[in-house]
Every structure is written in C-alpha cells, then in structure tokens.
PDB file of all heavy atoms in Angstrom:
ATOM      1  N   PHE A   1      40.293  46.149   0.733  1.00  0.00           N
ATOM      2  CA  PHE A   1      41.142  47.159   1.324  1.00  0.00           C
ATOM      3  C   PHE A   1      41.460  46.734   2.725  1.00  0.00           C
ATOM      4  O   PHE A   1      40.755  45.896   3.315  1.00  0.00           O
ATOM      5  CB  PHE A   1      40.420  48.475   1.292  1.00  0.00           C
ATOM      6  CG  PHE A   1      40.238  49.099  -0.108  1.00  0.00           C
ATOM      7  CD1 PHE A   1      39.208  48.630  -0.895  1.00  0.00           C
ATOM      8  CD2 PHE A   1      40.958  50.027  -0.588  1.00  0.00           C
ATOM      9  CE1 PHE A   1      38.964  49.074  -2.109  1.00  0.00           C
ATOM     10  CE2 PHE A   1      40.761  50.593  -1.805  1.00  0.00           C
ATOM     11  CZ  PHE A   1      39.738  50.134  -2.567  1.00  0.00           C
ATOM     12  N   ARG A   2      42.438  47.381   3.331  1.00  0.00           N
ATOM     13  CA  ARG A   2      42.717  47.050   4.796  1.00  0.00           C
ATOM     14  C   ARG A   2      43.098  48.319   5.415  1.00  0.00           C
ATOM     15  O   ARG A   2      43.668  49.310   4.843  1.00  0.00           O
ATOM     16  CB  ARG A   2      43.886  45.996   4.789  1.00  0.00           C
ATOM     17  CG  ARG A   2      45.191  46.470   4.444  1.00  0.00           C
ATOM     18  CD  ARG A   2      46.142  45.282   4.468  1.00  0.00           C
ATOM     19  NE  ARG A   2      47.596  45.657   4.138  1.00  0.00           N
ATOM     20  CZ  ARG A   2      48.546  44.853   4.022  1.00  0.00           C
ATOM     21  NH1 ARG A   2      48.353  43.501   4.093  1.00  0.00           N
ATOM     22  NH2 ARG A   2      49.825  45.309   3.654  1.00  0.00           N
ATOM     23  N   GLN A   3      42.877  48.313   6.731  1.00  0.00           N
ATOM     24  CA  GLN A   3      43.315  49.457   7.616  1.00  0.00           C
ATOM     25  C   GLN A   3      44.035  48.903   8.868  1.00  0.00           C
ATOM     26  O   GLN A   3      43.504  48.268   9.675  1.00  0.00           O
ATOM     27  CB  GLN A   3      42.085  50.215   8.041  1.00  0.00           C
ATOM     28  CG  GLN A   3      42.487  51.518   8.667  1.00  0.00           C
ATOM     29  CD  GLN A   3      41.299  52.508   8.824  1.00  0.00           C
ATOM     30  OE1 GLN A   3      40.108  51.996   8.699  1.00  0.00           O
ATOM     31  NE2 GLN A   3      41.565  53.749   9.024  1.00  0.00           N
ATOM     32  N   ALA A   4      45.307  49.211   8.926  1.00  0.00           N
ATOM     33  CA  ALA A   4      46.151  48.816  10.072  1.00  0.00           C
ATOM     34  C   ALA A   4      45.956  49.863  11.237  1.00  0.00           C
ATOM     35  O   ALA A   4      45.583  50.969  10.856  1.00  0.00           O
ATOM     36  CB  ALA A   4      47.544  48.712   9.670  1.00  0.00           C
ATOM     37  N   PRO A   5      46.312  49.431  12.458  1.00  0.00           N
ATOM     38  CA  PRO A   5      46.094  50.354  13.518  1.00  0.00           C
ATOM     39  C   PRO A   5      46.967  51.660  13.316  1.00  0.00           C
ATOM     40  O   PRO A   5      48.101  51.584  12.968  1.00  0.00           O
ATOM     41  CB  PRO A   5      46.693  49.463  14.739  1.00  0.00           C
ATOM     42  CG  PRO A   5      46.490  48.151  14.389  1.00  0.00           C
ATOM     43  CD  PRO A   5      46.650  48.044  12.813  1.00  0.00           C
ATOM     44  N   GLY A   6      46.251  52.785  13.430  1.00  0.00           N
ATOM     45  CA  GLY A   6      46.864  54.061  13.397  1.00  0.00           C
ATOM     46  C   GLY A   6      47.192  54.562  11.898  1.00  0.00           C
ATOM     47  O   GLY A   6      47.930  55.450  11.648  1.00  0.00           O
ATOM     48  N   LYS A   7      46.747  53.765  10.925  1.00  0.00           N
ATOM     49  CA  LYS A   7      46.950  53.996   9.568  1.00  0.00           C
ATOM     50  C   LYS A   7      45.741  54.243   8.785  1.00  0.00           C
ATOM     51  O   LYS A   7      44.674  53.742   9.211  1.00  0.00           O
ATOM     52  CB  LYS A   7      47.910  52.978   8.859  1.00  0.00           C
ATOM     53  CG  LYS A   7      49.286  52.778   9.483  1.00  0.00           C
ATOM     54  CD  LYS A   7      50.123  51.783   8.748  1.00  0.00           C
ATOM     55  CE  LYS A   7      51.568  51.793   9.354  1.00  0.00           C
ATOM     56  NZ  LYS A   7      52.398  50.750   8.729  1.00  0.00           N
ATOM     57  N   GLU A   8      45.948  54.860   7.569  1.00  0.00           N
ATOM     58  CA  GLU A   8      44.747  54.970   6.662  1.00  0.00           C
ATOM     59  C   GLU A   8      44.446  53.721   5.937  1.00  0.00           C
ATOM     60  O   GLU A   8      45.270  52.785   5.761  1.00  0.00           O
ATOM     61  CB  GLU A   8      45.057  56.118   5.743  1.00  0.00           C
ATOM     62  CG  GLU A   8      45.325  57.476   6.356  1.00  0.00           C
ATOM     63  CD  GLU A   8      44.045  57.964   7.133  1.00  0.00           C
ATOM     64  OE1 GLU A   8      42.883  57.802   6.613  1.00  0.00           O
ATOM     65  OE2 GLU A   8      44.228  58.434   8.226  1.00  0.00           O
ATOM     66  N   ARG A   9      43.254  53.650   5.421  1.00  0.00           N
ATOM     67  CA  ARG A   9      42.846  52.487   4.547  1.00  0.00           C
ATOM     68  C   ARG A   9      43.575  52.333   3.329  1.00  0.00           C
ATOM     69  O   ARG A   9      43.896  53.459   2.724  1.00  0.00           O
ATOM     70  CB  ARG A   9      41.341  52.614   4.320  1.00  0.00           C
ATOM     71  CG  ARG A   9      40.707  51.350   3.747  1.00  0.00           C
ATOM     72  CD  ARG A   9      39.123  51.506   3.672  1.00  0.00           C
ATOM     73  NE  ARG A   9      38.541  51.539   4.986  1.00  0.00           N
ATOM     74  CZ  ARG A   9      37.299  51.751   5.161  1.00  0.00           C
ATOM     75  NH1 ARG A   9      36.395  51.796   4.179  1.00  0.00           N
ATOM     76  NH2 ARG A   9      36.833  51.786   6.435  1.00  0.00           N
ATOM     77  N   ALA A  10      44.044  51.199   3.034  1.00  0.00           N
ATOM     78  CA  ALA A  10      44.880  51.029   1.820  1.00  0.00           C
ATOM     79  C   ALA A  10      44.302  49.904   0.989  1.00  0.00           C
ATOM     80  O   ALA A  10      43.696  48.899   1.428  1.00  0.00           O
ATOM     81  CB  ALA A  10      46.355  50.609   2.366  1.00  0.00           C
ATOM     82  N   PHE A  11      44.629  50.060  -0.271  1.00  0.00           N
ATOM     83  CA  PHE A  11      44.208  49.089  -1.374  1.00  0.00           C
ATOM     84  C   PHE A  11      44.953  47.747  -1.170  1.00  0.00           C
ATOM     85  O   PHE A  11      46.179  47.798  -0.963  1.00  0.00           O
ATOM     86  CB  PHE A  11      44.415  49.643  -2.764  1.00  0.00           C
ATOM     87  CG  PHE A  11      44.214  48.721  -3.795  1.00  0.00           C
ATOM     88  CD1 PHE A  11      42.892  48.375  -4.176  1.00  0.00           C
ATOM     89  CD2 PHE A  11      45.283  48.055  -4.510  1.00  0.00           C
ATOM     90  CE1 PHE A  11      42.722  47.403  -5.225  1.00  0.00           C
ATOM     91  CE2 PHE A  11      45.049  47.174  -5.532  1.00  0.00           C
ATOM     92  CZ  PHE A  11      43.744  46.922  -5.897  1.00  0.00           C
ATOM     93  N   VAL A  12      44.279  46.660  -1.290  1.00  0.00           N
ATOM     94  CA  VAL A  12      44.873  45.396  -1.315  1.00  0.00           C
ATOM     95  C   VAL A  12      44.756  44.636  -2.635  1.00  0.00           C
ATOM     96  O   VAL A  12      45.745  44.222  -3.197  1.00  0.00           O
ATOM     97  CB  VAL A  12      44.241  44.522  -0.255  1.00  0.00           C
ATOM     98  CG1 VAL A  12      44.676  43.061  -0.267  1.00  0.00           C
ATOM     99  CG2 VAL A  12      44.421  45.031   1.075  1.00  0.00           C
ATOM    100  N   ALA A  13      43.564  44.485  -3.191  1.00  0.00           N
ATOM    101  CA  ALA A  13      43.370  43.795  -4.442  1.00  0.00           C
ATOM    102  C   ALA A  13      41.985  44.055  -5.033  1.00  0.00           C
ATOM    103  O   ALA A  13      41.071  44.600  -4.273  1.00  0.00           O
ATOM    104  CB  ALA A  13      43.528  42.282  -4.200  1.00  0.00           C
ATOM    105  N   ALA A  14      41.843  44.006  -6.357  1.00  0.00           N
ATOM    106  CA  ALA A  14      40.521  44.137  -7.015  1.00  0.00           C
ATOM    107  C   ALA A  14      40.423  43.110  -8.168  1.00  0.00           C
ATOM    108  O   ALA A  14      41.368  42.603  -8.711  1.00  0.00           O
ATOM    109  CB  ALA A  14      40.388  45.601  -7.473  1.00  0.00           C
ATOM    110  N   ILE A  15      39.163  42.860  -8.525  1.00  0.00           N
ATOM    111  CA  ILE A  15      38.835  41.903  -9.471  1.00  0.00           C
ATOM    112  C   ILE A  15      37.729  42.359 -10.416  1.00  0.00           C
ATOM    113  O   ILE A  15      36.814  43.078  -9.822  1.00  0.00           O
ATOM    114  CB  ILE A  15      38.529  40.503  -8.875  1.00  0.00           C
ATOM    115  CG1 ILE A  15      38.397  39.403  -9.973  1.00  0.00           C
ATOM    116  CG2 ILE A  15      37.237  40.604  -8.012  1.00  0.00           C
ATOM    117  CD1 ILE A  15      38.391  38.105  -9.395  1.00  0.00           C
ATOM    118  N   SER A  16      37.795  42.241 -11.727  1.00  0.00           N
ATOM    119  CA  SER A  16      36.724  42.783 -12.627  1.00  0.00           C
ATOM    120  C   SER A  16      35.477  42.022 -12.453  1.00  0.00           C
ATOM    121  O   SER A  16      35.359  41.003 -11.737  1.00  0.00           O
ATOM    122  CB  SER A  16      37.351  42.609 -14.008  1.00  0.00           C
ATOM    123  OG  SER A  16      37.636  41.357 -14.409  1.00  0.00           O
ATOM    124  N   ARG A  17      34.461  42.439 -13.154  1.00  0.00           N
ATOM    125  CA  ARG A  17      33.074  41.895 -13.078  1.00  0.00           C
ATOM    126  C   ARG A  17      33.106  40.421 -13.216  1.00  0.00           C
ATOM    127  O   ARG A  17      32.375  39.699 -12.422  1.00  0.00           O
ATOM    128  CB  ARG A  17      32.217  42.547 -14.049  1.00  0.00           C
ATOM    129  CG  ARG A  17      31.614  43.850 -13.643  1.00  0.00           C
ATOM    130  CD  ARG A  17      30.899  44.600 -14.771  1.00  0.00           C
ATOM    131  NE  ARG A  17      29.972  43.680 -15.444  1.00  0.00           N
ATOM    132  CZ  ARG A  17      28.911  44.045 -16.195  1.00  0.00           C
ATOM    133  NH1 ARG A  17      28.579  45.302 -16.271  1.00  0.00           N
ATOM    134  NH2 ARG A  17      28.206  43.074 -16.835  1.00  0.00           N
ATOM    135  N   SER A  18      33.673  39.944 -14.304  1.00  0.00           N
ATOM    136  CA  SER A  18      33.643  38.495 -14.486  1.00  0.00           C
ATOM    137  C   SER A  18      34.816  37.664 -14.002  1.00  0.00           C
ATOM    138  O   SER A  18      34.871  36.487 -14.128  1.00  0.00           O
ATOM    139  CB  SER A  18      33.592  38.345 -16.072  1.00  0.00           C
ATOM    140  OG  SER A  18      34.815  38.696 -16.678  1.00  0.00           O
ATOM    141  N   GLY A  19      35.686  38.427 -13.420  1.00  0.00           N
ATOM    142  CA  GLY A  19      36.910  37.655 -12.709  1.00  0.00           C
ATOM    143  C   GLY A  19      38.032  37.563 -13.692  1.00  0.00           C
ATOM    144  O   GLY A  19      39.006  36.978 -13.250  1.00  0.00           O
ATOM    145  N   GLY A  20      37.950  38.172 -14.861  1.00  0.00           N
ATOM    146  CA  GLY A  20      39.016  37.957 -15.788  1.00  0.00           C
ATOM    147  C   GLY A  20      40.304  38.759 -15.586  1.00  0.00           C
ATOM    148  O   GLY A  20      41.359  38.426 -16.078  1.00  0.00           O
ATOM    149  N   SER A  21      40.157  39.870 -14.842  1.00  0.00           N
ATOM    150  CA  SER A  21      41.273  40.743 -14.571  1.00  0.00           C
ATOM    151  C   SER A  21      41.411  41.009 -13.058  1.00  0.00           C
ATOM    152  O   SER A  21      40.423  41.092 -12.423  1.00  0.00           O
ATOM    153  CB  SER A  21      41.057  42.032 -15.270  1.00  0.00           C
ATOM    154  OG  SER A  21      41.147  41.937 -16.670  1.00  0.00           O
ATOM    155  N   THR A  22      42.652  40.959 -12.591  1.00  0.00           N
ATOM    156  CA  THR A  22      42.900  41.292 -11.236  1.00  0.00           C
ATOM    157  C   THR A  22      44.077  42.264 -11.130  1.00  0.00           C
ATOM    158  O   THR A  22      44.891  42.436 -11.990  1.00  0.00           O
ATOM    159  CB  THR A  22      43.324  40.008 -10.431  1.00  0.00           C
ATOM    160  OG1 THR A  22      44.472  39.417 -11.034  1.00  0.00           O
ATOM    161  CG2 THR A  22      42.131  39.108 -10.419  1.00  0.00           C
ATOM    162  N   TYR A  23      44.059  43.000  -9.834  1.00  0.00           N
ATOM    163  CA  TYR A  23      45.124  43.889  -9.632  1.00  0.00           C
ATOM    164  C   TYR A  23      45.426  43.772  -8.137  1.00  0.00           C
ATOM    165  O   TYR A  23      44.551  43.799  -7.338  1.00  0.00           O
ATOM    166  CB  TYR A  23      44.834  45.295 -10.088  1.00  0.00           C
ATOM    167  CG  TYR A  23      45.909  46.284 -10.087  1.00  0.00           C
ATOM    168  CD1 TYR A  23      46.798  46.255 -11.093  1.00  0.00           C
ATOM    169  CD2 TYR A  23      46.101  47.128  -8.980  1.00  0.00           C
ATOM    170  CE1 TYR A  23      47.863  47.255 -11.150  1.00  0.00           C
ATOM    171  CE2 TYR A  23      47.180  48.039  -8.918  1.00  0.00           C
ATOM    172  CZ  TYR A  23      48.053  48.007 -10.071  1.00  0.00           C
ATOM    173  OH  TYR A  23      49.087  48.917 -10.007  1.00  0.00           O
ATOM    174  N   TYR A  24      46.733  44.007  -7.822  1.00  0.00           N
ATOM    175  CA  TYR A  24      47.179  43.890  -6.399  1.00  0.00           C
ATOM    176  C   TYR A  24      48.063  45.041  -6.078  1.00  0.00           C
ATOM    177  O   TYR A  24      48.835  45.688  -6.831  1.00  0.00           O
ATOM    178  CB  TYR A  24      47.965  42.552  -6.152  1.00  0.00           C
ATOM    179  CG  TYR A  24      47.057  41.239  -6.429  1.00  0.00           C
ATOM    180  CD1 TYR A  24      47.103  40.753  -7.740  1.00  0.00           C
ATOM    181  CD2 TYR A  24      46.400  40.731  -5.527  1.00  0.00           C
ATOM    182  CE1 TYR A  24      46.464  39.595  -8.016  1.00  0.00           C
ATOM    183  CE2 TYR A  24      45.634  39.594  -5.768  1.00  0.00           C
ATOM    184  CZ  TYR A  24      45.658  39.070  -7.039  1.00  0.00           C
ATOM    185  OH  TYR A  24      44.877  37.966  -7.318  1.00  0.00           O
ATOM    186  N   GLY A  25      47.893  45.293  -4.759  1.00  0.00           N
ATOM    187  CA  GLY A  25      48.962  46.239  -4.190  1.00  0.00           C
ATOM    188  C   GLY A  25      50.308  45.668  -4.208  1.00  0.00           C
ATOM    189  O   GLY A  25      50.448  44.476  -4.274  1.00  0.00           O
ATOM    190  N   ASP A  26      51.345  46.588  -4.169  1.00  0.00           N
ATOM    191  CA  ASP A  26      52.708  46.130  -4.340  1.00  0.00           C
ATOM    192  C   ASP A  26      53.145  44.995  -3.221  1.00  0.00           C
ATOM    193  O   ASP A  26      53.869  44.065  -3.634  1.00  0.00           O
ATOM    194  CB  ASP A  26      53.680  47.264  -4.311  1.00  0.00           C
ATOM    195  CG  ASP A  26      53.594  48.202  -5.522  1.00  0.00           C
ATOM    196  OD1 ASP A  26      53.076  47.691  -6.503  1.00  0.00           O
ATOM    197  OD2 ASP A  26      53.962  49.271  -5.527  1.00  0.00           O
ATOM    198  N   SER A  27      52.723  45.188  -2.054  1.00  0.00           N
ATOM    199  CA  SER A  27      53.180  44.366  -0.985  1.00  0.00           C
ATOM    200  C   SER A  27      52.342  43.068  -0.928  1.00  0.00           C
ATOM    201  O   SER A  27      52.639  42.154  -0.233  1.00  0.00           O
ATOM    202  CB  SER A  27      53.071  45.009   0.286  1.00  0.00           C
ATOM    203  OG  SER A  27      51.720  45.402   0.674  1.00  0.00           O
ATOM    204  N   MET A  28      51.404  42.938  -1.838  1.00  0.00           N
ATOM    205  CA  MET A  28      50.441  41.767  -1.817  1.00  0.00           C
ATOM    206  C   MET A  28      50.686  40.764  -3.012  1.00  0.00           C
ATOM    207  O   MET A  28      50.467  39.566  -2.727  1.00  0.00           O
ATOM    208  CB  MET A  28      49.012  42.113  -1.798  1.00  0.00           C
ATOM    209  CG  MET A  28      48.520  42.853  -0.582  1.00  0.00           C
ATOM    210  SD  MET A  28      48.995  44.682  -0.649  1.00  0.00           S
ATOM    211  CE  MET A  28      48.272  45.273   0.837  1.00  0.00           C
ATOM    212  N   GLU A  29      50.971  41.253  -4.008  1.00  0.00           N
ATOM    213  CA  GLU A  29      51.148  40.491  -5.320  1.00  0.00           C
ATOM    214  C   GLU A  29      52.140  39.382  -5.063  1.00  0.00           C
ATOM    215  O   GLU A  29      53.280  39.585  -4.542  1.00  0.00           O
ATOM    216  CB  GLU A  29      51.567  41.306  -6.462  1.00  0.00           C
ATOM    217  CG  GLU A  29      51.491  40.505  -7.752  1.00  0.00           C
ATOM    218  CD  GLU A  29      51.572  41.397  -9.026  1.00  0.00           C
ATOM    219  OE1 GLU A  29      51.815  42.722  -8.750  1.00  0.00           O
ATOM    220  OE2 GLU A  29      51.355  40.972 -10.120  1.00  0.00           O
ATOM    221  N   GLY A  30      51.795  38.106  -5.428  1.00  0.00           N
ATOM    222  CA  GLY A  30      52.679  37.039  -5.161  1.00  0.00           C
ATOM    223  C   GLY A  30      52.277  36.301  -3.883  1.00  0.00           C
ATOM    224  O   GLY A  30      52.643  35.060  -3.672  1.00  0.00           O
ATOM    225  N   ARG A  31      51.548  36.875  -2.925  1.00  0.00           N
ATOM    226  CA  ARG A  31      51.181  36.302  -1.662  1.00  0.00           C
ATOM    227  C   ARG A  31      49.617  36.249  -1.597  1.00  0.00           C
ATOM    228  O   ARG A  31      49.097  35.246  -0.989  1.00  0.00           O
ATOM    229  CB  ARG A  31      51.710  37.131  -0.462  1.00  0.00           C
ATOM    230  CG  ARG A  31      53.224  37.182  -0.492  1.00  0.00           C
ATOM    231  CD  ARG A  31      53.566  37.814   0.852  1.00  0.00           C
ATOM    232  NE  ARG A  31      53.140  39.237   1.035  1.00  0.00           N
ATOM    233  CZ  ARG A  31      52.365  39.572   2.116  1.00  0.00           C
ATOM    234  NH1 ARG A  31      52.091  38.782   3.055  1.00  0.00           N
ATOM    235  NH2 ARG A  31      51.975  40.911   2.145  1.00  0.00           N
TER     236      ARG A  31
END
C-alpha cells in the first residue's frame, strides 16, 4: 500500500500465498 502526502492510504499490489496470483491497482498495473 502507499500513502501520498495529504492523502489516504491506497492499495498498490497484492500476491497470494504461493505467489501464483497477483493483483494491482489501476495506476500500477504494467509498471
């Protein structure tokens, strides 16, 4: 997760227990 100055904490990315599945926030996927 990340928190920019003056903003609330936001989701960035997550990964499952074994690493087989991932999920990204809209502005992060691809980067």
